[in-house]
Amino acid sequence: MREVLQRINSINGMKGSLVVTPDGLPIASDLPPGLDAETAAGLGACMGKMIADWAGEMDMSNMALGMMETKEARLFISA
């Protein structure tokens, strides 16, 4: 799985990637130095649940992809 994450990170502009359980435990990660996998995993799982809950309240189908964007970065969350 680490090889897959390394290939994802080879895409121009990608800085890191990780796979987490729905409850926020990191399974695999390839993150830049200084970015803690457990912290990032918890954030991703929390945001994924919030987006999925919101989609359910809005009567939308199951979440496939969520995104948070700042001036410097984008965070993609996939179910």
N, C-alpha and C. Protein backbone atom coordinates (compact mmCIF):
# COMPACT_ATOMS: atom_id res chain seq x y z
N MET A 1 0.82 -1.18 0.00
CA MET A 1 0.00 0.00 0.00
C MET A 1 0.88 1.26 0.00
N ARG A 2 2.01 1.17 0.67
CA ARG A 2 2.91 2.33 0.72
C ARG A 2 3.36 2.72 -0.69
N GLU A 3 3.58 1.74 -1.55
CA GLU A 3 3.98 2.02 -2.93
C GLU A 3 2.88 2.81 -3.66
N VAL A 4 1.64 2.47 -3.42
CA VAL A 4 0.52 3.19 -4.04
C VAL A 4 0.52 4.64 -3.56
N LEU A 5 0.71 4.85 -2.26
CA LEU A 5 0.74 6.21 -1.72
C LEU A 5 1.91 7.00 -2.30
N GLN A 6 3.04 6.36 -2.48
CA GLN A 6 4.20 7.04 -3.07
C GLN A 6 3.90 7.44 -4.52
N ARG A 7 3.18 6.58 -5.25
CA ARG A 7 2.81 6.94 -6.63
C ARG A 7 1.83 8.11 -6.64
N ILE A 8 0.89 8.11 -5.70
CA ILE A 8 -0.05 9.24 -5.60
C ILE A 8 0.73 10.52 -5.32
N ASN A 9 1.70 10.44 -4.41
CA ASN A 9 2.48 11.62 -4.05
C ASN A 9 3.40 12.10 -5.17
N SER A 10 3.63 11.26 -6.17
CA SER A 10 4.47 11.69 -7.30
C SER A 10 3.71 12.60 -8.26
N ILE A 11 2.39 12.71 -8.08
CA ILE A 11 1.59 13.62 -8.91
C ILE A 11 1.98 15.05 -8.56
N ASN A 12 2.17 15.85 -9.57
CA ASN A 12 2.59 17.24 -9.38
C ASN A 12 1.67 17.96 -8.38
N GLY A 13 2.25 18.51 -7.34
CA GLY A 13 1.50 19.26 -6.34
C GLY A 13 1.09 18.47 -5.11
N MET A 14 1.14 17.14 -5.18
CA MET A 14 0.77 16.33 -4.02
C MET A 14 1.89 16.39 -2.98
N LYS A 15 1.50 16.53 -1.73
CA LYS A 15 2.49 16.61 -0.65
C LYS A 15 2.45 15.42 0.27
N GLY A 16 1.33 14.72 0.33
CA GLY A 16 1.23 13.58 1.22
C GLY A 16 -0.09 12.87 1.03
N SER A 17 -0.14 11.63 1.49
CA SER A 17 -1.37 10.85 1.39
C SER A 17 -1.39 9.83 2.52
N LEU A 18 -2.61 9.43 2.90
CA LEU A 18 -2.74 8.41 3.91
C LEU A 18 -4.07 7.69 3.77
N VAL A 19 -4.14 6.50 4.34
CA VAL A 19 -5.35 5.69 4.37
C VAL A 19 -5.68 5.48 5.84
N VAL A 20 -6.95 5.73 6.20
CA VAL A 20 -7.36 5.61 7.60
C VAL A 20 -8.64 4.80 7.72
N THR A 21 -8.87 4.27 8.91
CA THR A 21 -10.12 3.58 9.20
C THR A 21 -11.20 4.65 9.43
N PRO A 22 -12.49 4.27 9.35
CA PRO A 22 -13.55 5.24 9.59
C PRO A 22 -13.48 5.90 10.97
N ASP A 23 -12.88 5.22 11.94
CA ASP A 23 -12.77 5.82 13.27
C ASP A 23 -11.46 6.56 13.49
N GLY A 24 -10.67 6.76 12.42
CA GLY A 24 -9.52 7.65 12.49
C GLY A 24 -8.17 7.02 12.79
N LEU A 25 -8.04 5.72 12.67
CA LEU A 25 -6.74 5.08 12.90
C LEU A 25 -5.99 4.98 11.58
N PRO A 26 -4.73 5.43 11.54
CA PRO A 26 -3.97 5.36 10.29
C PRO A 26 -3.63 3.91 9.93
N ILE A 27 -3.85 3.57 8.67
CA ILE A 27 -3.50 2.24 8.16
C ILE A 27 -2.16 2.31 7.44
N ALA A 28 -2.00 3.30 6.59
CA ALA A 28 -0.75 3.51 5.85
C ALA A 28 -0.63 5.00 5.57
N SER A 29 0.61 5.49 5.52
CA SER A 29 0.80 6.92 5.24
C SER A 29 2.12 7.16 4.53
N ASP A 30 2.13 8.21 3.76
CA ASP A 30 3.36 8.73 3.15
C ASP A 30 3.22 10.25 3.22
N LEU A 31 3.60 10.79 4.37
CA LEU A 31 3.40 12.21 4.67
C LEU A 31 4.74 12.92 4.76
N PRO A 32 4.74 14.24 4.53
CA PRO A 32 5.98 14.98 4.66
C PRO A 32 6.43 15.06 6.12
N PRO A 33 7.73 15.28 6.34
CA PRO A 33 8.23 15.41 7.70
C PRO A 33 7.49 16.51 8.46
N GLY A 34 7.20 16.24 9.71
CA GLY A 34 6.52 17.22 10.54
C GLY A 34 5.01 17.08 10.56
N LEU A 35 4.44 16.27 9.68
CA LEU A 35 3.00 16.05 9.67
C LEU A 35 2.72 14.70 10.31
N ASP A 36 2.08 14.72 11.47
CA ASP A 36 1.82 13.51 12.24
C ASP A 36 0.67 12.70 11.63
N ALA A 37 0.91 11.43 11.34
CA ALA A 37 -0.09 10.57 10.70
C ALA A 37 -1.34 10.41 11.57
N GLU A 38 -1.17 10.28 12.88
CA GLU A 38 -2.34 10.09 13.75
C GLU A 38 -3.21 11.34 13.79
N THR A 39 -2.60 12.51 13.82
CA THR A 39 -3.35 13.76 13.81
C THR A 39 -4.10 13.92 12.49
N ALA A 40 -3.39 13.69 11.38
CA ALA A 40 -4.02 13.81 10.06
C ALA A 40 -5.14 12.79 9.88
N ALA A 41 -4.94 11.58 10.38
CA ALA A 41 -5.95 10.53 10.28
C ALA A 41 -7.20 10.91 11.06
N GLY A 42 -7.02 11.43 12.26
CA GLY A 42 -8.16 11.87 13.06
C GLY A 42 -8.94 12.98 12.40
N LEU A 43 -8.21 13.95 11.85
CA LEU A 43 -8.86 15.06 11.14
C LEU A 43 -9.65 14.55 9.94
N GLY A 44 -9.02 13.69 9.15
CA GLY A 44 -9.69 13.16 7.96
C GLY A 44 -10.95 12.37 8.30
N ALA A 45 -10.87 11.52 9.32
CA ALA A 45 -12.03 10.73 9.72
C ALA A 45 -13.15 11.62 10.24
N CYS A 46 -12.80 12.61 11.04
CA CYS A 46 -13.80 13.53 11.59
C CYS A 46 -14.49 14.31 10.47
N MET A 47 -13.71 14.84 9.55
CA MET A 47 -14.29 15.59 8.43
C MET A 47 -15.13 14.68 7.54
N GLY A 48 -14.66 13.46 7.31
CA GLY A 48 -15.43 12.52 6.50
C GLY A 48 -16.78 12.23 7.11
N LYS A 49 -16.82 12.03 8.43
CA LYS A 49 -18.09 11.77 9.10
C LYS A 49 -19.00 12.98 9.03
N MET A 50 -18.45 14.18 9.22
CA MET A 50 -19.27 15.39 9.15
C MET A 50 -19.87 15.56 7.75
N ILE A 51 -19.08 15.34 6.71
CA ILE A 51 -19.58 15.47 5.34
C ILE A 51 -20.63 14.41 5.06
N ALA A 52 -20.38 13.17 5.48
CA ALA A 52 -21.35 12.09 5.26
C ALA A 52 -22.65 12.36 6.00
N ASP A 53 -22.57 12.84 7.24
CA ASP A 53 -23.77 13.17 8.01
C ASP A 53 -24.55 14.29 7.33
N TRP A 54 -23.86 15.31 6.87
CA TRP A 54 -24.51 16.43 6.18
C TRP A 54 -25.19 15.94 4.91
N ALA A 55 -24.51 15.10 4.13
CA ALA A 55 -25.09 14.57 2.90
C ALA A 55 -26.36 13.79 3.21
N GLY A 56 -26.35 13.03 4.29
CA GLY A 56 -27.55 12.29 4.69
C GLY A 56 -28.69 13.21 5.07
N GLU A 57 -28.39 14.28 5.80
CA GLU A 57 -29.42 15.25 6.19
C GLU A 57 -29.99 15.98 4.98
N MET A 58 -29.20 16.15 3.95
CA MET A 58 -29.64 16.84 2.74
C MET A 58 -30.31 15.88 1.75
N ASP A 59 -30.52 14.63 2.17
CA ASP A 59 -31.15 13.61 1.33
C ASP A 59 -30.34 13.31 0.07
N MET A 60 -29.03 13.37 0.20
CA MET A 60 -28.14 13.04 -0.91
C MET A 60 -27.72 11.58 -0.77
N SER A 61 -27.19 11.03 -1.84
CA SER A 61 -26.71 9.66 -1.77
C SER A 61 -25.45 9.60 -0.91
N ASN A 62 -24.92 8.42 -0.72
CA ASN A 62 -23.71 8.25 0.09
C ASN A 62 -22.57 9.09 -0.46
N MET A 63 -21.76 9.62 0.45
CA MET A 63 -20.62 10.44 0.06
C MET A 63 -19.60 9.61 -0.70
N ALA A 64 -19.11 10.17 -1.81
CA ALA A 64 -18.03 9.53 -2.55
C ALA A 64 -16.73 10.30 -2.37
N LEU A 65 -16.83 11.64 -2.33
CA LEU A 65 -15.63 12.47 -2.22
C LEU A 65 -15.98 13.79 -1.55
N GLY A 66 -15.18 14.21 -0.59
CA GLY A 66 -15.31 15.51 0.04
C GLY A 66 -14.00 16.26 -0.10
N MET A 67 -14.05 17.60 -0.04
CA MET A 67 -12.83 18.38 -0.21
C MET A 67 -12.88 19.61 0.69
N MET A 68 -11.73 19.92 1.30
CA MET A 68 -11.54 21.17 2.03
C MET A 68 -10.39 21.89 1.34
N GLU A 69 -10.55 23.19 1.10
CA GLU A 69 -9.52 23.93 0.38
C GLU A 69 -9.11 25.17 1.15
N THR A 70 -7.80 25.40 1.23
CA THR A 70 -7.25 26.63 1.78
C THR A 70 -6.44 27.31 0.68
N LYS A 71 -5.82 28.43 0.98
CA LYS A 71 -5.00 29.10 -0.03
C LYS A 71 -3.80 28.26 -0.43
N GLU A 72 -3.29 27.45 0.48
CA GLU A 72 -2.06 26.69 0.21
C GLU A 72 -2.28 25.22 -0.08
N ALA A 73 -3.44 24.67 0.25
CA ALA A 73 -3.59 23.22 0.14
C ALA A 73 -5.04 22.80 -0.04
N ARG A 74 -5.20 21.56 -0.47
CA ARG A 74 -6.51 20.92 -0.57
C ARG A 74 -6.44 19.58 0.15
N LEU A 75 -7.51 19.25 0.85
CA LEU A 75 -7.62 17.97 1.52
C LEU A 75 -8.79 17.24 0.89
N PHE A 76 -8.53 16.07 0.30
CA PHE A 76 -9.58 15.26 -0.31
C PHE A 76 -9.90 14.10 0.62
N ILE A 77 -11.19 13.82 0.77
CA ILE A 77 -11.64 12.72 1.61
C ILE A 77 -12.53 11.83 0.76
N SER A 78 -12.19 10.57 0.67
CA SER A 78 -12.95 9.62 -0.13
C SER A 78 -13.44 8.49 0.76
N ALA A 79 -14.68 8.09 0.54
CA ALA A 79 -15.26 7.00 1.33
C ALA A 79 -14.94 5.66 0.71
